[in-house]
């Protein structure tokens, strides 16, 4: 009878020990997974910051190019007006001759 009790107690101790090992393994695995997820989130945040910075720089470049082109178009418009004026003067001189 004593051997059966010892055997049953041994089985119960083994089951409790197995459950504790399973739970501790699960918690350790969960901690490692959480750590990896946090590291991945930090990397993604850094990449997003870099992309945002690149977008900002690109927007500034586009704005600068647009301003330069607008300035050239305005200069070309002034030049076209001046050329039109010169052509008109030449036409008048022909008529006067």
N, C-alpha and C. Protein backbone atom coordinates (compact mmCIF):
# COMPACT_ATOMS: atom_id res chain seq x y z
N UNK A 1 0.81 -1.18 0.00
CA UNK A 1 0.00 0.00 0.00
C UNK A 1 0.86 1.26 0.00
N UNK A 2 1.91 1.19 0.79
CA UNK A 2 2.82 2.33 0.89
C UNK A 2 3.50 2.59 -0.46
N UNK A 3 3.79 1.52 -1.17
CA UNK A 3 4.42 1.68 -2.48
C UNK A 3 3.45 2.33 -3.47
N UNK A 4 2.19 2.00 -3.38
CA UNK A 4 1.18 2.61 -4.27
C UNK A 4 1.05 4.09 -3.96
N UNK A 5 1.04 4.44 -2.67
CA UNK A 5 0.96 5.85 -2.29
C UNK A 5 2.18 6.61 -2.80
N UNK A 6 3.36 6.01 -2.63
CA UNK A 6 4.58 6.66 -3.12
C UNK A 6 4.54 6.82 -4.64
N UNK A 7 4.01 5.79 -5.32
CA UNK A 7 3.91 5.86 -6.77
C UNK A 7 2.94 6.96 -7.20
N UNK A 8 1.78 7.05 -6.54
CA UNK A 8 0.79 8.08 -6.84
C UNK A 8 1.36 9.47 -6.55
N UNK A 9 2.04 9.60 -5.40
CA UNK A 9 2.66 10.89 -5.06
C UNK A 9 3.73 11.23 -6.10
N UNK A 10 4.49 10.26 -6.54
CA UNK A 10 5.51 10.48 -7.58
C UNK A 10 4.89 10.97 -8.88
N UNK A 11 3.76 10.34 -9.25
CA UNK A 11 3.06 10.76 -10.47
C UNK A 11 2.55 12.18 -10.32
N UNK A 12 1.95 12.49 -9.16
CA UNK A 12 1.43 13.84 -8.92
C UNK A 12 2.57 14.85 -8.96
N UNK A 13 3.69 14.53 -8.31
CA UNK A 13 4.85 15.44 -8.32
C UNK A 13 5.34 15.62 -9.75
N UNK A 14 5.39 14.53 -10.53
CA UNK A 14 5.83 14.63 -11.92
C UNK A 14 4.89 15.51 -12.73
N UNK A 15 3.58 15.35 -12.53
CA UNK A 15 2.60 16.17 -13.26
C UNK A 15 2.74 17.64 -12.88
N UNK A 16 2.88 17.92 -11.58
CA UNK A 16 3.04 19.32 -11.13
C UNK A 16 4.34 19.88 -11.69
N UNK A 17 5.42 19.11 -11.62
CA UNK A 17 6.71 19.56 -12.14
C UNK A 17 6.61 19.83 -13.64
N UNK A 18 5.95 18.94 -14.39
CA UNK A 18 5.77 19.12 -15.83
C UNK A 18 4.98 20.39 -16.12
N UNK A 19 3.90 20.61 -15.34
CA UNK A 19 3.09 21.81 -15.54
C UNK A 19 3.91 23.07 -15.27
N UNK A 20 4.70 23.06 -14.21
CA UNK A 20 5.54 24.22 -13.89
C UNK A 20 6.55 24.46 -15.01
N UNK A 21 7.17 23.40 -15.51
CA UNK A 21 8.14 23.55 -16.59
C UNK A 21 7.47 24.08 -17.85
N UNK A 22 6.27 23.59 -18.15
CA UNK A 22 5.54 24.05 -19.32
C UNK A 22 5.22 25.54 -19.20
N UNK A 23 4.69 25.94 -18.06
CA UNK A 23 4.32 27.35 -17.84
C UNK A 23 5.55 28.24 -17.89
N UNK A 24 6.65 27.82 -17.24
CA UNK A 24 7.86 28.65 -17.26
C UNK A 24 8.43 28.74 -18.67
N UNK A 25 8.39 27.65 -19.44
CA UNK A 25 8.83 27.68 -20.83
C UNK A 25 7.97 28.59 -21.67
N UNK A 26 6.66 28.53 -21.44
CA UNK A 26 5.74 29.41 -22.17
C UNK A 26 6.02 30.87 -21.87
N UNK A 27 6.20 31.18 -20.58
CA UNK A 27 6.47 32.58 -20.19
C UNK A 27 7.79 33.05 -20.76
N UNK A 28 8.82 32.21 -20.73
CA UNK A 28 10.11 32.58 -21.29
C UNK A 28 10.00 32.79 -22.80
N UNK A 29 9.29 31.92 -23.47
CA UNK A 29 9.09 32.06 -24.91
C UNK A 29 8.31 33.32 -25.22
N UNK A 30 7.28 33.60 -24.42
CA UNK A 30 6.49 34.81 -24.61
C UNK A 30 7.35 36.06 -24.42
N UNK A 31 8.23 36.06 -23.43
CA UNK A 31 9.11 37.20 -23.18
C UNK A 31 10.05 37.41 -24.37
N UNK A 32 10.59 36.31 -24.90
CA UNK A 32 11.48 36.43 -26.06
C UNK A 32 10.73 36.94 -27.29
N UNK A 33 9.53 36.46 -27.48
CA UNK A 33 8.72 36.91 -28.61
C UNK A 33 8.40 38.40 -28.47
N UNK A 34 8.06 38.82 -27.27
CA UNK A 34 7.76 40.24 -27.04
C UNK A 34 9.00 41.09 -27.29
N UNK A 35 10.15 40.60 -26.87
CA UNK A 35 11.40 41.33 -27.10
C UNK A 35 11.66 41.48 -28.59
N UNK A 36 11.48 40.40 -29.36
CA UNK A 36 11.70 40.46 -30.80
C UNK A 36 10.70 41.39 -31.48
N UNK A 37 9.46 41.37 -31.02
CA UNK A 37 8.45 42.27 -31.60
C UNK A 37 8.81 43.71 -31.33
N UNK A 38 9.26 44.01 -30.12
CA UNK A 38 9.66 45.38 -29.79
C UNK A 38 10.85 45.83 -30.63
N UNK A 39 11.82 44.93 -30.83
CA UNK A 39 12.96 45.28 -31.68
C UNK A 39 12.52 45.55 -33.11
N UNK A 40 11.62 44.71 -33.62
CA UNK A 40 11.11 44.90 -34.98
C UNK A 40 10.35 46.22 -35.09
N UNK A 41 9.56 46.54 -34.08
CA UNK A 41 8.83 47.81 -34.08
C UNK A 41 9.79 49.00 -34.06
N UNK A 42 10.86 48.89 -33.29
CA UNK A 42 11.84 49.97 -33.25
C UNK A 42 12.52 50.14 -34.61
N UNK A 43 12.85 49.03 -35.27
CA UNK A 43 13.45 49.12 -36.61
C UNK A 43 12.47 49.74 -37.60
N UNK A 44 11.22 49.34 -37.53
CA UNK A 44 10.21 49.92 -38.42
C UNK A 44 10.03 51.41 -38.18
N UNK A 45 10.06 51.81 -36.92
CA UNK A 45 9.92 53.23 -36.59
C UNK A 45 11.11 54.01 -37.15
N UNK A 46 12.30 53.45 -37.07
CA UNK A 46 13.50 54.12 -37.61
C UNK A 46 13.41 54.24 -39.13
N UNK A 47 12.98 53.18 -39.78
CA UNK A 47 12.81 53.23 -41.23
C UNK A 47 11.74 54.25 -41.63
N UNK A 48 10.65 54.29 -40.88
CA UNK A 48 9.59 55.26 -41.17
C UNK A 48 10.11 56.68 -41.01
N UNK A 49 10.94 56.91 -39.98
CA UNK A 49 11.51 58.24 -39.78
C UNK A 49 12.40 58.62 -40.97
N UNK A 50 13.20 57.66 -41.44
CA UNK A 50 14.06 57.93 -42.60
C UNK A 50 13.23 58.24 -43.84
N UNK A 51 12.15 57.45 -44.07
CA UNK A 51 11.30 57.70 -45.22
C UNK A 51 10.61 59.06 -45.12
N UNK A 52 10.15 59.42 -43.94
CA UNK A 52 9.53 60.73 -43.75
C UNK A 52 10.52 61.85 -44.04
N UNK A 53 11.76 61.66 -43.62
CA UNK A 53 12.79 62.66 -43.87
C UNK A 53 13.07 62.77 -45.37
N UNK A 54 13.15 61.63 -46.06
CA UNK A 54 13.37 61.64 -47.51
C UNK A 54 12.20 62.32 -48.24
N UNK A 55 10.99 62.05 -47.78
CA UNK A 55 9.82 62.68 -48.41
C UNK A 55 9.88 64.19 -48.21
N UNK A 56 10.26 64.63 -47.02
CA UNK A 56 10.36 66.05 -46.74
C UNK A 56 11.42 66.70 -47.63
N UNK A 57 12.58 66.05 -47.75
CA UNK A 57 13.64 66.59 -48.60
C UNK A 57 13.20 66.64 -50.06
N UNK A 58 12.50 65.59 -50.50
CA UNK A 58 12.01 65.55 -51.88
C UNK A 58 11.01 66.66 -52.13
N UNK A 59 10.11 66.88 -51.18
CA UNK A 59 9.14 67.97 -51.32
C UNK A 59 9.83 69.32 -51.42
N UNK A 60 10.88 69.52 -50.62
CA UNK A 60 11.63 70.77 -50.67
C UNK A 60 12.31 70.94 -52.02
N UNK A 61 12.90 69.86 -52.53
CA UNK A 61 13.55 69.92 -53.85
C UNK A 61 12.54 70.25 -54.94
N UNK A 62 11.39 69.59 -54.88
CA UNK A 62 10.35 69.86 -55.88
C UNK A 62 9.91 71.31 -55.81
N UNK A 63 9.74 71.83 -54.59
CA UNK A 63 9.35 73.23 -54.43
C UNK A 63 10.41 74.17 -55.02
N UNK A 64 11.69 73.87 -54.77
CA UNK A 64 12.76 74.70 -55.32
C UNK A 64 12.77 74.65 -56.84
N UNK A 65 12.62 73.46 -57.40
CA UNK A 65 12.60 73.32 -58.86
C UNK A 65 11.42 74.07 -59.45
N UNK A 66 10.27 73.97 -58.79
CA UNK A 66 9.07 74.67 -59.28
C UNK A 66 9.30 76.19 -59.27
N UNK A 67 9.92 76.69 -58.21
CA UNK A 67 10.19 78.13 -58.14
C UNK A 67 11.18 78.55 -59.22
N UNK A 68 12.20 77.73 -59.46
CA UNK A 68 13.17 78.05 -60.51
C UNK A 68 12.50 78.07 -61.88
N UNK A 69 11.66 77.06 -62.14
CA UNK A 69 10.97 77.01 -63.43
C UNK A 69 10.02 78.19 -63.60
N UNK A 70 9.33 78.53 -62.52
CA UNK A 70 8.42 79.68 -62.58
C UNK A 70 9.20 80.96 -62.89
N UNK A 71 10.37 81.10 -62.25
CA UNK A 71 11.21 82.27 -62.53
C UNK A 71 11.66 82.31 -63.97
N UNK A 72 12.02 81.16 -64.53
CA UNK A 72 12.45 81.11 -65.93
C UNK A 72 11.29 81.41 -66.87
N UNK A 73 10.11 80.90 -66.54
CA UNK A 73 8.94 81.18 -67.38
C UNK A 73 8.63 82.67 -67.36
N UNK A 74 8.72 83.28 -66.19
CA UNK A 74 8.48 84.72 -66.11
C UNK A 74 9.53 85.49 -66.90
N UNK A 75 10.78 85.06 -66.78
CA UNK A 75 11.84 85.71 -67.57
C UNK A 75 11.60 85.55 -69.05
N UNK A 76 11.17 84.36 -69.46
CA UNK A 76 10.88 84.12 -70.87
C UNK A 76 9.70 84.98 -71.32
N UNK A 77 8.73 85.18 -70.44
CA UNK A 77 7.60 86.05 -70.77
C UNK A 77 8.05 87.49 -70.98
N UNK A 78 8.94 87.95 -70.11
CA UNK A 78 9.47 89.31 -70.26
C UNK A 78 10.27 89.42 -71.55
N UNK A 79 11.06 88.41 -71.83
CA UNK A 79 11.87 88.42 -73.06
C UNK A 79 10.96 88.42 -74.28
N UNK A 80 9.88 87.65 -74.24
CA UNK A 80 8.94 87.62 -75.36
C UNK A 80 8.30 88.99 -75.55
N UNK A 81 7.96 89.67 -74.47
CA UNK A 81 7.38 91.01 -74.58
C UNK A 81 8.38 91.99 -75.19
N UNK A 82 9.64 91.89 -74.72
CA UNK A 82 10.68 92.77 -75.26
C UNK A 82 10.89 92.51 -76.75
N UNK A 83 10.92 91.22 -77.13
CA UNK A 83 11.08 90.88 -78.55
C UNK A 83 9.89 91.38 -79.36
N UNK A 84 8.68 91.26 -78.81
CA UNK A 84 7.49 91.77 -79.51
C UNK A 84 7.60 93.28 -79.70
N UNK A 85 8.09 93.96 -78.68
CA UNK A 85 8.28 95.42 -78.79
C UNK A 85 9.29 95.77 -79.86
N UNK A 86 10.39 95.03 -79.89
CA UNK A 86 11.42 95.29 -80.91
C UNK A 86 10.87 95.02 -82.30
N UNK A 87 10.11 93.92 -82.45
CA UNK A 87 9.51 93.60 -83.75
C UNK A 87 8.56 94.70 -84.17
N UNK A 88 7.78 95.22 -83.24
CA UNK A 88 6.86 96.33 -83.55
C UNK A 88 7.64 97.56 -84.00
N UNK A 89 8.73 97.85 -83.34
CA UNK A 89 9.55 99.00 -83.73
C UNK A 89 10.11 98.81 -85.13
N UNK A 90 10.56 97.60 -85.44
CA UNK A 90 11.09 97.32 -86.78
C UNK A 90 9.99 97.48 -87.81
N UNK A 91 8.77 96.98 -87.51
CA UNK A 91 7.65 97.14 -88.44
C UNK A 91 7.34 98.61 -88.66
N UNK A 92 7.38 99.41 -87.61
CA UNK A 92 7.09 100.85 -87.72
C UNK A 92 8.16 101.52 -88.59
N UNK A 93 9.40 101.10 -88.37
CA UNK A 93 10.48 101.71 -89.15
C UNK A 93 10.33 101.38 -90.62
N UNK A 94 9.87 100.18 -90.95
CA UNK A 94 9.64 99.80 -92.34
C UNK A 94 8.53 100.65 -92.94
N UNK A 95 7.48 100.82 -92.09
CA UNK A 95 6.35 101.62 -92.58
C UNK A 95 6.81 103.05 -92.78
N UNK A 96 7.63 103.57 -91.89
CA UNK A 96 8.09 104.94 -92.00
C UNK A 96 8.99 105.14 -93.21
N UNK A 97 9.68 104.12 -93.63
CA UNK A 97 10.57 104.23 -94.77
C UNK A 97 9.74 104.31 -96.01
